[in-house]
Every structure is written in structure tokens, then in C-alpha cells.
Amino acid sequence: MLVYETLESWVSPVTLELHAWHLNTTETLKTFDQIKHKRVIVISGYNYGGLMS
């Protein structure tokens, strides 16, 4: 419906990183499909972008 109203840019204004941590007793996450229909804890906020090191 909005195909003629949308302008797609080649510029990426933001870099987004997703990290998934797990306990040693659980399987390492290979794809996000593995957490579909599972309970997860989402932690978000600001970071220093490596400036502290």
C-alpha cells in the first residue's frame, strides 16, 4: 500500500548489535528461531561503544 510513498536509502543511520547469552547448561544459540515461543529476558540501554577500553 505504501510502495509509492516509501523512499529506501543506501545509508544506514544506526548500527545495531544483538547479543544472546546463555547458561553453560543450555545449548548455544545459532539462530533466533531457536528462541521462538520461549521466555527470554531483554536487557536494553546505552553502552560506551568500546570507549572505556
N, C-alpha and C. Protein backbone atom coordinates (compact mmCIF):
# COMPACT_ATOMS: atom_id res chain seq x y z
N MET A 1 0.81 -1.18 0.00
CA MET A 1 0.00 0.00 0.00
C MET A 1 0.87 1.27 0.00
N LEU A 2 2.01 1.22 0.69
CA LEU A 2 2.88 2.39 0.75
C LEU A 2 4.05 2.32 -0.23
N VAL A 3 4.00 1.40 -1.18
CA VAL A 3 5.13 1.19 -2.08
C VAL A 3 5.53 2.46 -2.82
N TYR A 4 4.57 3.30 -3.18
CA TYR A 4 4.89 4.53 -3.91
C TYR A 4 5.15 5.72 -2.99
N GLU A 5 5.01 5.50 -1.70
CA GLU A 5 5.23 6.56 -0.71
C GLU A 5 6.51 6.34 0.09
N THR A 6 7.27 5.29 -0.21
CA THR A 6 8.44 4.91 0.57
C THR A 6 9.71 5.16 -0.22
N LEU A 7 10.67 5.79 0.41
CA LEU A 7 11.98 6.01 -0.19
C LEU A 7 13.00 5.22 0.62
N GLU A 8 13.68 4.29 -0.02
CA GLU A 8 14.67 3.47 0.66
C GLU A 8 16.05 4.04 0.40
N SER A 9 16.83 4.21 1.44
CA SER A 9 18.16 4.80 1.33
C SER A 9 19.23 3.74 1.44
N TRP A 10 20.37 3.99 0.83
CA TRP A 10 21.51 3.09 0.97
C TRP A 10 22.28 3.41 2.24
N VAL A 11 21.98 4.51 2.88
CA VAL A 11 22.66 4.93 4.11
C VAL A 11 22.06 4.20 5.30
N SER A 12 22.91 3.66 6.16
CA SER A 12 22.46 3.02 7.38
C SER A 12 22.73 3.97 8.55
N PRO A 13 21.71 4.63 9.09
CA PRO A 13 21.94 5.65 10.12
C PRO A 13 22.37 5.09 11.48
N VAL A 14 22.14 3.82 11.73
CA VAL A 14 22.43 3.24 13.02
C VAL A 14 23.04 1.86 12.85
N THR A 15 23.95 1.53 13.73
CA THR A 15 24.47 0.17 13.79
C THR A 15 23.79 -0.54 14.95
N LEU A 16 23.28 -1.71 14.69
CA LEU A 16 22.57 -2.46 15.71
C LEU A 16 23.26 -3.79 15.92
N GLU A 17 23.57 -4.10 17.17
CA GLU A 17 24.17 -5.39 17.51
C GLU A 17 23.24 -6.13 18.46
N LEU A 18 23.00 -7.38 18.17
CA LEU A 18 22.21 -8.23 19.05
C LEU A 18 23.12 -9.29 19.63
N HIS A 19 23.05 -9.47 20.94
CA HIS A 19 23.85 -10.49 21.60
C HIS A 19 22.92 -11.42 22.37
N ALA A 20 23.26 -12.68 22.42
CA ALA A 20 22.46 -13.64 23.17
C ALA A 20 23.40 -14.42 24.09
N TRP A 21 23.18 -14.28 25.39
CA TRP A 21 23.97 -15.02 26.36
C TRP A 21 23.17 -16.22 26.84
N HIS A 22 23.89 -17.24 27.30
CA HIS A 22 23.21 -18.44 27.78
C HIS A 22 24.00 -19.04 28.93
N LEU A 23 23.32 -19.87 29.69
CA LEU A 23 23.99 -20.60 30.77
C LEU A 23 24.83 -21.72 30.18
N ASN A 24 25.82 -22.16 30.92
CA ASN A 24 26.65 -23.28 30.45
C ASN A 24 25.85 -24.56 30.27
N THR A 25 24.72 -24.63 30.93
CA THR A 25 23.89 -25.84 30.87
C THR A 25 22.90 -25.82 29.72
N THR A 26 22.87 -24.76 28.93
CA THR A 26 21.94 -24.68 27.80
C THR A 26 22.71 -24.64 26.48
N GLU A 27 21.99 -24.96 25.42
CA GLU A 27 22.60 -25.01 24.09
C GLU A 27 22.92 -23.60 23.58
N THR A 28 24.03 -23.47 22.88
CA THR A 28 24.41 -22.19 22.29
C THR A 28 23.41 -21.82 21.19
N LEU A 29 23.01 -20.57 21.17
CA LEU A 29 22.05 -20.09 20.19
C LEU A 29 22.73 -19.92 18.84
N LYS A 30 22.20 -20.57 17.83
CA LYS A 30 22.75 -20.46 16.47
C LYS A 30 21.89 -19.55 15.59
N THR A 31 20.56 -19.60 15.78
CA THR A 31 19.63 -18.72 15.06
C THR A 31 18.57 -18.23 16.03
N PHE A 32 17.96 -17.11 15.71
CA PHE A 32 16.92 -16.58 16.59
C PHE A 32 15.64 -17.41 16.53
N ASP A 33 15.52 -18.27 15.55
CA ASP A 33 14.37 -19.18 15.51
C ASP A 33 14.36 -20.13 16.70
N GLN A 34 15.53 -20.38 17.29
CA GLN A 34 15.62 -21.28 18.44
C GLN A 34 14.91 -20.73 19.67
N ILE A 35 14.69 -19.42 19.74
CA ILE A 35 14.02 -18.85 20.91
C ILE A 35 12.56 -18.51 20.63
N LYS A 36 12.08 -18.92 19.48
CA LYS A 36 10.67 -18.69 19.14
C LYS A 36 9.79 -19.44 20.14
N HIS A 37 8.81 -18.75 20.67
CA HIS A 37 7.86 -19.30 21.64
C HIS A 37 8.53 -19.67 22.96
N LYS A 38 9.67 -19.05 23.28
CA LYS A 38 10.34 -19.29 24.56
C LYS A 38 10.37 -17.99 25.35
N ARG A 39 10.55 -18.09 26.64
CA ARG A 39 10.64 -16.92 27.50
C ARG A 39 12.09 -16.43 27.51
N VAL A 40 12.27 -15.14 27.24
CA VAL A 40 13.61 -14.55 27.24
C VAL A 40 13.60 -13.28 28.08
N ILE A 41 14.76 -12.88 28.54
CA ILE A 41 14.93 -11.62 29.26
C ILE A 41 15.59 -10.65 28.30
N VAL A 42 14.99 -9.50 28.12
CA VAL A 42 15.53 -8.49 27.22
C VAL A 42 16.12 -7.37 28.06
N ILE A 43 17.41 -7.09 27.85
CA ILE A 43 18.10 -6.02 28.56
C ILE A 43 18.50 -4.99 27.51
N SER A 44 18.08 -3.76 27.69
CA SER A 44 18.44 -2.73 26.73
C SER A 44 18.94 -1.50 27.47
N GLY A 45 19.65 -0.67 26.75
CA GLY A 45 20.15 0.56 27.34
C GLY A 45 21.32 1.08 26.55
N TYR A 46 21.97 2.04 27.12
CA TYR A 46 23.11 2.66 26.46
C TYR A 46 24.39 1.92 26.80
N ASN A 47 25.36 2.02 25.91
CA ASN A 47 26.67 1.48 26.21
C ASN A 47 27.72 2.51 25.81
N TYR A 48 28.95 2.21 26.07
CA TYR A 48 30.02 3.16 25.78
C TYR A 48 30.67 2.92 24.43
N GLY A 49 30.17 1.97 23.66
CA GLY A 49 30.69 1.73 22.34
C GLY A 49 32.17 1.41 22.31
N GLY A 50 32.70 0.80 23.37
CA GLY A 50 34.11 0.46 23.42
C GLY A 50 35.02 1.59 23.89
N LEU A 51 34.45 2.75 24.21
CA LEU A 51 35.27 3.89 24.60
C LEU A 51 35.97 3.70 25.94
N MET A 52 35.45 2.83 26.80
CA MET A 52 36.10 2.62 28.09
C MET A 52 37.39 1.85 27.96
N SER A 53 37.52 1.05 26.88
CA SER A 53 38.77 0.31 26.70
C SER A 53 39.61 1.02 25.66
